[in-house]
Amino acid sequence: MINTNRGLGKYILFTILTLGIYGYWFIYKLAQDVNIMCDGDGKKTGGLLKFILLSIITCGIYAWFWYYNIGNRLAENASRYKLHFSENGTSVLMWFIFGAFLCGIGPFVAMNILIKNTNALALKYNEKQTSTGYSSGIN
């Protein structure tokens, strides 16, 4: 079953308490879960190693690109689960970049969009897997 209980508060708290390590774990699990839920769409979300290395090489620009792609991928696959997300990768990217000028809250709004949409998709994915009697065995 895919985790449906992600939250912004937990993300912020654990990232602070672990000095950033949880933030990377979160990205790792997010990429893994999105790849499972969106399997069959012809795309693959890059994992943590790619995220870290390309973010370093591009001075952080790849991280924005990664978040943009996750936002788009969630929005594009929502209809498969009879959902509709009004936010997509552009919304996420704009909050990350320009929202940072709004007392620094933009990145938190962007992350909350990704968390909210991932939780909604995961809930529908889990329901679909349960109703078909299939379990991927991934917790």
N, C-alpha and C. Protein backbone atom coordinates (compact mmCIF):
# COMPACT_ATOMS: atom_id res chain seq x y z
N MET A 1 0.84 -1.19 0.00
CA MET A 1 0.00 0.00 0.00
C MET A 1 0.88 1.25 0.00
N ILE A 2 0.42 2.23 -0.71
CA ILE A 2 1.13 3.51 -0.80
C ILE A 2 0.72 4.38 0.39
N ASN A 3 1.67 5.11 0.94
CA ASN A 3 1.41 5.99 2.08
C ASN A 3 0.43 7.09 1.69
N THR A 4 -0.66 7.24 2.46
CA THR A 4 -1.65 8.29 2.21
C THR A 4 -1.65 9.32 3.33
N ASN A 5 -0.67 9.23 4.20
CA ASN A 5 -0.68 10.06 5.40
C ASN A 5 0.50 11.03 5.45
N ARG A 6 0.92 11.51 4.31
CA ARG A 6 1.98 12.51 4.31
C ARG A 6 1.39 13.83 4.75
N GLY A 7 2.21 14.65 5.38
CA GLY A 7 1.73 15.96 5.82
C GLY A 7 2.85 16.98 5.84
N LEU A 8 2.49 18.23 5.60
CA LEU A 8 3.48 19.29 5.55
C LEU A 8 4.13 19.50 6.91
N GLY A 9 3.35 19.48 7.97
CA GLY A 9 3.89 19.67 9.32
C GLY A 9 4.92 18.61 9.67
N LYS A 10 4.59 17.37 9.38
CA LYS A 10 5.50 16.25 9.63
C LYS A 10 6.77 16.41 8.80
N TYR A 11 6.59 16.80 7.53
CA TYR A 11 7.74 17.00 6.65
C TYR A 11 8.68 18.07 7.22
N ILE A 12 8.13 19.19 7.62
CA ILE A 12 8.95 20.29 8.15
C ILE A 12 9.63 19.87 9.45
N LEU A 13 8.84 19.31 10.37
CA LEU A 13 9.37 18.94 11.68
C LEU A 13 10.50 17.92 11.57
N PHE A 14 10.26 16.84 10.83
CA PHE A 14 11.27 15.79 10.73
C PHE A 14 12.49 16.23 9.92
N THR A 15 12.28 17.11 8.96
CA THR A 15 13.43 17.63 8.20
C THR A 15 14.32 18.46 9.11
N ILE A 16 13.71 19.26 9.97
CA ILE A 16 14.49 20.07 10.93
C ILE A 16 15.19 19.17 11.94
N LEU A 17 14.44 18.23 12.53
CA LEU A 17 15.00 17.36 13.56
C LEU A 17 16.14 16.48 13.06
N THR A 18 16.08 16.10 11.79
CA THR A 18 17.13 15.23 11.23
C THR A 18 18.16 16.01 10.42
N LEU A 19 18.13 17.31 10.55
CA LEU A 19 19.07 18.19 9.86
C LEU A 19 19.06 17.98 8.35
N GLY A 20 17.88 17.77 7.80
CA GLY A 20 17.70 17.67 6.37
C GLY A 20 17.64 16.27 5.81
N ILE A 21 18.03 15.28 6.59
CA ILE A 21 18.05 13.91 6.08
C ILE A 21 16.66 13.42 5.73
N TYR A 22 15.66 13.73 6.55
CA TYR A 22 14.29 13.29 6.27
C TYR A 22 13.79 13.89 4.95
N GLY A 23 14.19 15.10 4.63
CA GLY A 23 13.79 15.72 3.37
C GLY A 23 14.22 14.89 2.18
N TYR A 24 15.42 14.33 2.27
CA TYR A 24 15.89 13.46 1.20
C TYR A 24 15.16 12.12 1.19
N TRP A 25 14.88 11.59 2.36
CA TRP A 25 14.09 10.34 2.45
C TRP A 25 12.71 10.58 1.84
N PHE A 26 12.15 11.73 2.12
CA PHE A 26 10.83 12.08 1.60
C PHE A 26 10.84 12.09 0.07
N ILE A 27 11.86 12.70 -0.51
CA ILE A 27 12.00 12.76 -1.97
C ILE A 27 12.15 11.35 -2.54
N TYR A 28 12.95 10.53 -1.89
CA TYR A 28 13.15 9.15 -2.33
C TYR A 28 11.82 8.40 -2.37
N LYS A 29 11.05 8.47 -1.28
CA LYS A 29 9.78 7.76 -1.19
C LYS A 29 8.74 8.36 -2.14
N LEU A 30 8.73 9.68 -2.28
CA LEU A 30 7.79 10.34 -3.18
C LEU A 30 8.01 9.87 -4.62
N ALA A 31 9.27 9.85 -5.06
CA ALA A 31 9.58 9.40 -6.42
C ALA A 31 9.17 7.95 -6.60
N GLN A 32 9.47 7.12 -5.63
CA GLN A 32 9.13 5.70 -5.70
C GLN A 32 7.61 5.51 -5.80
N ASP A 33 6.86 6.20 -4.94
CA ASP A 33 5.41 6.06 -4.93
C ASP A 33 4.76 6.60 -6.19
N VAL A 34 5.24 7.74 -6.68
CA VAL A 34 4.69 8.31 -7.91
C VAL A 34 4.96 7.37 -9.09
N ASN A 35 6.13 6.77 -9.13
CA ASN A 35 6.43 5.82 -10.21
C ASN A 35 5.49 4.61 -10.16
N ILE A 36 5.12 4.17 -8.98
CA ILE A 36 4.20 3.04 -8.85
C ILE A 36 2.79 3.46 -9.26
N MET A 37 2.31 4.58 -8.73
CA MET A 37 0.94 5.02 -9.00
C MET A 37 0.72 5.41 -10.46
N CYS A 38 1.75 5.93 -11.09
CA CYS A 38 1.62 6.43 -12.46
C CYS A 38 2.22 5.47 -13.49
N ASP A 39 2.49 4.26 -13.07
CA ASP A 39 3.05 3.27 -13.97
C ASP A 39 2.17 3.12 -15.21
N GLY A 40 2.78 3.09 -16.35
CA GLY A 40 2.04 2.94 -17.60
C GLY A 40 1.82 4.24 -18.34
N ASP A 41 2.27 5.36 -17.77
CA ASP A 41 2.08 6.64 -18.45
C ASP A 41 3.25 6.99 -19.37
N GLY A 42 4.24 6.11 -19.43
CA GLY A 42 5.38 6.33 -20.32
C GLY A 42 6.45 7.24 -19.73
N LYS A 43 6.33 7.59 -18.46
CA LYS A 43 7.31 8.46 -17.83
C LYS A 43 7.90 7.76 -16.61
N LYS A 44 9.03 8.27 -16.16
CA LYS A 44 9.65 7.76 -14.94
C LYS A 44 10.24 8.94 -14.19
N THR A 45 9.90 9.04 -12.93
CA THR A 45 10.44 10.11 -12.08
C THR A 45 11.81 9.68 -11.58
N GLY A 46 12.78 10.54 -11.77
CA GLY A 46 14.14 10.26 -11.32
C GLY A 46 14.21 10.13 -9.81
N GLY A 47 15.10 9.28 -9.34
CA GLY A 47 15.23 9.01 -7.91
C GLY A 47 16.12 10.00 -7.20
N LEU A 48 16.44 9.65 -5.97
CA LEU A 48 17.17 10.54 -5.07
C LEU A 48 18.59 10.84 -5.56
N LEU A 49 19.30 9.82 -6.00
CA LEU A 49 20.68 10.05 -6.44
C LEU A 49 20.73 11.04 -7.60
N LYS A 50 19.86 10.85 -8.57
CA LYS A 50 19.77 11.77 -9.70
C LYS A 50 19.39 13.17 -9.22
N PHE A 51 18.43 13.24 -8.29
CA PHE A 51 17.98 14.52 -7.74
C PHE A 51 19.15 15.27 -7.10
N ILE A 52 19.92 14.57 -6.27
CA ILE A 52 21.03 15.22 -5.55
C ILE A 52 22.13 15.63 -6.53
N LEU A 53 22.58 14.70 -7.36
CA LEU A 53 23.71 15.00 -8.25
C LEU A 53 23.39 16.12 -9.24
N LEU A 54 22.24 16.02 -9.89
CA LEU A 54 21.90 17.06 -10.87
C LEU A 54 21.56 18.39 -10.22
N SER A 55 21.05 18.36 -9.00
CA SER A 55 20.80 19.62 -8.28
C SER A 55 22.11 20.30 -7.94
N ILE A 56 23.11 19.53 -7.56
CA ILE A 56 24.43 20.10 -7.26
C ILE A 56 25.05 20.69 -8.53
N ILE A 57 25.01 19.90 -9.60
CA ILE A 57 25.63 20.34 -10.86
C ILE A 57 24.96 21.59 -11.42
N THR A 58 23.64 21.71 -11.25
CA THR A 58 22.90 22.84 -11.82
C THR A 58 22.60 23.94 -10.79
N CYS A 59 23.26 23.88 -9.65
CA CYS A 59 23.07 24.87 -8.58
C CYS A 59 21.60 24.97 -8.15
N GLY A 60 20.92 23.84 -8.08
CA GLY A 60 19.55 23.80 -7.57
C GLY A 60 18.46 23.88 -8.62
N ILE A 61 18.81 24.21 -9.84
CA ILE A 61 17.79 24.36 -10.88
C ILE A 61 17.10 23.03 -11.19
N TYR A 62 17.87 21.93 -11.17
CA TYR A 62 17.25 20.63 -11.44
C TYR A 62 16.18 20.31 -10.40
N ALA A 63 16.35 20.70 -9.16
CA ALA A 63 15.34 20.43 -8.12
C ALA A 63 14.01 21.06 -8.53
N TRP A 64 14.04 22.29 -9.03
CA TRP A 64 12.80 22.94 -9.49
C TRP A 64 12.18 22.15 -10.64
N PHE A 65 13.03 21.72 -11.57
CA PHE A 65 12.58 20.93 -12.70
C PHE A 65 11.94 19.62 -12.21
N TRP A 66 12.54 18.98 -11.23
CA TRP A 66 12.03 17.72 -10.68
C TRP A 66 10.66 17.92 -10.04
N TYR A 67 10.54 18.97 -9.23
CA TYR A 67 9.25 19.26 -8.59
C TYR A 67 8.19 19.61 -9.63
N TYR A 68 8.57 20.36 -10.65
CA TYR A 68 7.67 20.70 -11.75
C TYR A 68 7.15 19.43 -12.42
N ASN A 69 8.06 18.51 -12.72
CA ASN A 69 7.66 17.26 -13.37
C ASN A 69 6.76 16.40 -12.48
N ILE A 70 7.04 16.36 -11.20
CA ILE A 70 6.17 15.60 -10.27
C ILE A 70 4.78 16.21 -10.27
N GLY A 71 4.69 17.53 -10.18
CA GLY A 71 3.39 18.20 -10.19
C GLY A 71 2.60 17.91 -11.45
N ASN A 72 3.28 17.96 -12.59
CA ASN A 72 2.62 17.65 -13.87
C ASN A 72 2.21 16.19 -13.94
N ARG A 73 3.07 15.32 -13.49
CA ARG A 73 2.77 13.88 -13.59
C ARG A 73 1.56 13.53 -12.72
N LEU A 74 1.48 14.10 -11.53
CA LEU A 74 0.32 13.85 -10.67
C LEU A 74 -0.96 14.37 -11.33
N ALA A 75 -0.90 15.59 -11.88
CA ALA A 75 -2.08 16.18 -12.52
C ALA A 75 -2.51 15.38 -13.75
N GLU A 76 -1.54 14.94 -14.55
CA GLU A 76 -1.86 14.19 -15.77
C GLU A 76 -2.46 12.82 -15.47
N ASN A 77 -2.07 12.21 -14.36
CA ASN A 77 -2.56 10.87 -14.03
C ASN A 77 -3.80 10.89 -13.13
N ALA A 78 -4.20 12.05 -12.69
CA ALA A 78 -5.37 12.14 -11.80
C ALA A 78 -6.62 11.57 -12.45
N SER A 79 -6.80 11.82 -13.73
CA SER A 79 -8.02 11.34 -14.41
C SER A 79 -8.10 9.81 -14.44
N ARG A 80 -6.97 9.13 -14.40
CA ARG A 80 -6.96 7.66 -14.32
C ARG A 80 -7.66 7.16 -13.08
N TYR A 81 -7.68 8.00 -12.04
CA TYR A 81 -8.28 7.64 -10.76
C TYR A 81 -9.54 8.46 -10.47
N LYS A 82 -10.10 9.04 -11.54
CA LYS A 82 -11.32 9.86 -11.43
C LYS A 82 -11.13 11.04 -10.48
N LEU A 83 -9.97 11.66 -10.57
CA LEU A 83 -9.65 12.85 -9.79
C LEU A 83 -9.32 13.98 -10.76
N HIS A 84 -9.34 15.20 -10.23
CA HIS A 84 -8.90 16.37 -11.00
C HIS A 84 -8.15 17.28 -10.04
N PHE A 85 -6.93 17.63 -10.39
CA PHE A 85 -6.14 18.56 -9.58
C PHE A 85 -6.06 19.89 -10.32
N SER A 86 -6.43 20.95 -9.65
CA SER A 86 -6.36 22.26 -10.28
C SER A 86 -4.92 22.77 -10.36
N GLU A 87 -4.06 22.19 -9.54
CA GLU A 87 -2.64 22.58 -9.56
C GLU A 87 -1.86 21.57 -10.39
N ASN A 88 -0.87 22.06 -11.09
CA ASN A 88 0.02 21.19 -11.85
C ASN A 88 1.46 21.63 -11.61
N GLY A 89 2.36 21.20 -12.47
CA GLY A 89 3.76 21.54 -12.30
C GLY A 89 4.03 23.03 -12.35
N THR A 90 3.28 23.74 -13.17
CA THR A 90 3.46 25.20 -13.25
C THR A 90 3.12 25.86 -11.93
N SER A 91 2.03 25.45 -11.31
CA SER A 91 1.64 25.99 -10.01
C SER A 91 2.73 25.74 -8.98
N VAL A 92 3.23 24.51 -8.96
CA VAL A 92 4.28 24.14 -8.02
C VAL A 92 5.53 24.98 -8.25
N LEU A 93 5.95 25.09 -9.50
CA LEU A 93 7.15 25.85 -9.84
C LEU A 93 7.01 27.33 -9.47
N MET A 94 5.87 27.90 -9.78
CA MET A 94 5.65 29.32 -9.45
C MET A 94 5.70 29.56 -7.94
N TRP A 95 5.12 28.64 -7.17
CA TRP A 95 5.18 28.79 -5.71
C TRP A 95 6.62 28.64 -5.23
N PHE A 96 7.36 27.71 -5.78
CA PHE A 96 8.75 27.53 -5.35
C PHE A 96 9.59 28.76 -5.66
N ILE A 97 9.44 29.30 -6.87
CA ILE A 97 10.31 30.41 -7.28
C ILE A 97 9.80 31.76 -6.78
N PHE A 98 8.60 32.14 -7.22
CA PHE A 98 8.11 33.48 -6.89
C PHE A 98 7.47 33.55 -5.51
N GLY A 99 6.94 32.45 -5.06
CA GLY A 99 6.34 32.42 -3.73
C GLY A 99 7.35 32.59 -2.62
N ALA A 100 8.60 32.32 -2.92
CA ALA A 100 9.65 32.50 -1.92
C ALA A 100 9.77 33.96 -1.49
N PHE A 101 9.32 34.87 -2.35
CA PHE A 101 9.37 36.29 -2.02
C PHE A 101 8.23 36.71 -1.09
N LEU A 102 7.27 35.83 -0.87
CA LEU A 102 6.15 36.11 0.03
C LEU A 102 6.48 35.61 1.43
N CYS A 103 7.36 36.32 2.09
CA CYS A 103 7.80 35.95 3.44
C CYS A 103 8.36 34.54 3.49
N GLY A 104 8.82 34.02 2.39
CA GLY A 104 9.44 32.71 2.36
C GLY A 104 8.49 31.53 2.41
N ILE A 105 7.18 31.77 2.29
CA ILE A 105 6.23 30.66 2.44
C ILE A 105 5.97 29.89 1.15
N GLY A 106 6.38 30.42 0.03
CA GLY A 106 6.10 29.79 -1.26
C GLY A 106 6.53 28.35 -1.37
N PRO A 107 7.77 28.02 -1.00
CA PRO A 107 8.19 26.61 -1.09
C PRO A 107 7.33 25.68 -0.23
N PHE A 108 6.85 26.18 0.89
CA PHE A 108 5.98 25.36 1.74
C PHE A 108 4.63 25.13 1.09
N VAL A 109 4.12 26.17 0.42
CA VAL A 109 2.86 26.02 -0.32
C VAL A 109 3.04 25.02 -1.45
N ALA A 110 4.15 25.12 -2.17
CA ALA A 110 4.44 24.19 -3.27
C ALA A 110 4.53 22.76 -2.76
N MET A 111 5.24 22.55 -1.67
CA MET A 111 5.38 21.20 -1.12
C MET A 111 4.03 20.69 -0.63
N ASN A 112 3.20 21.58 -0.08
CA ASN A 112 1.88 21.17 0.38
C ASN A 112 1.01 20.72 -0.80
N ILE A 113 1.13 21.39 -1.93
CA ILE A 113 0.39 20.98 -3.13
C ILE A 113 0.80 19.56 -3.53
N LEU A 114 2.09 19.31 -3.56
CA LEU A 114 2.57 17.98 -3.94
C LEU A 114 2.11 16.92 -2.94
N ILE A 115 2.17 17.24 -1.66
CA ILE A 115 1.74 16.29 -0.62
C ILE A 115 0.25 16.01 -0.73
N LYS A 116 -0.54 17.05 -0.88
CA LYS A 116 -1.99 16.90 -0.97
C LYS A 116 -2.38 16.06 -2.18
N ASN A 117 -1.80 16.36 -3.32
CA ASN A 117 -2.13 15.63 -4.55
C ASN A 117 -1.63 14.18 -4.50
N THR A 118 -0.45 13.98 -3.93
CA THR A 118 0.07 12.62 -3.80
C THR A 118 -0.80 11.79 -2.87
N ASN A 119 -1.22 12.38 -1.75
CA ASN A 119 -2.09 11.66 -0.82
C ASN A 119 -3.41 11.27 -1.49
N ALA A 120 -3.99 12.19 -2.24
CA ALA A 120 -5.27 11.91 -2.91
C ALA A 120 -5.12 10.79 -3.94
N LEU A 121 -4.07 10.86 -4.73
CA LEU A 121 -3.83 9.83 -5.73
C LEU A 121 -3.54 8.48 -5.07
N ALA A 122 -2.76 8.51 -4.00
CA ALA A 122 -2.43 7.28 -3.28
C ALA A 122 -3.67 6.62 -2.68
N LEU A 123 -4.57 7.43 -2.17
CA LEU A 123 -5.81 6.89 -1.60
C LEU A 123 -6.61 6.15 -2.67
N LYS A 124 -6.76 6.77 -3.84
CA LYS A 124 -7.49 6.13 -4.95
C LYS A 124 -6.73 4.91 -5.47
N TYR A 125 -5.42 5.01 -5.54
CA TYR A 125 -4.61 3.88 -6.00
C TYR A 125 -4.81 2.69 -5.05
N ASN A 126 -4.72 2.94 -3.75
CA ASN A 126 -4.90 1.87 -2.77
C ASN A 126 -6.29 1.25 -2.84
N GLU A 127 -7.31 2.11 -3.02
CA GLU A 127 -8.67 1.60 -3.16
C GLU A 127 -8.79 0.70 -4.38
N LYS A 128 -8.19 1.12 -5.47
CA LYS A 128 -8.24 0.34 -6.71
C LYS A 128 -7.53 -1.00 -6.53
N GLN A 129 -6.38 -0.99 -5.86
CA GLN A 129 -5.64 -2.23 -5.63
C GLN A 129 -6.41 -3.17 -4.71
N THR A 130 -7.06 -2.62 -3.70
CA THR A 130 -7.84 -3.43 -2.76
C THR A 130 -9.06 -4.03 -3.44
N SER A 131 -9.72 -3.24 -4.29
CA SER A 131 -10.93 -3.73 -4.95
C SER A 131 -10.63 -4.80 -6.00
N THR A 132 -9.43 -4.77 -6.56
CA THR A 132 -9.07 -5.79 -7.54
C THR A 132 -8.39 -6.99 -6.89
N GLY A 133 -8.14 -6.88 -5.58
CA GLY A 133 -7.52 -7.97 -4.86
C GLY A 133 -6.03 -8.07 -5.07
N TYR A 134 -5.44 -7.01 -5.63
CA TYR A 134 -4.00 -7.01 -5.91
C TYR A 134 -3.30 -6.17 -4.87
N SER A 135 -2.17 -6.65 -4.39
CA SER A 135 -1.34 -5.88 -3.49
C SER A 135 0.08 -5.95 -4.01
N SER A 136 0.69 -4.79 -4.17
CA SER A 136 2.04 -4.76 -4.72
C SER A 136 3.08 -5.24 -3.73
N GLY A 137 2.70 -5.31 -2.46
CA GLY A 137 3.64 -5.73 -1.44
C GLY A 137 4.58 -4.62 -1.00
N ILE A 138 4.40 -3.43 -1.51
CA ILE A 138 5.23 -2.30 -1.15
C ILE A 138 4.51 -1.51 -0.08
N ASN A 139 5.19 -1.27 1.01
CA ASN A 139 4.58 -0.51 2.12
C ASN A 139 5.15 0.86 2.20
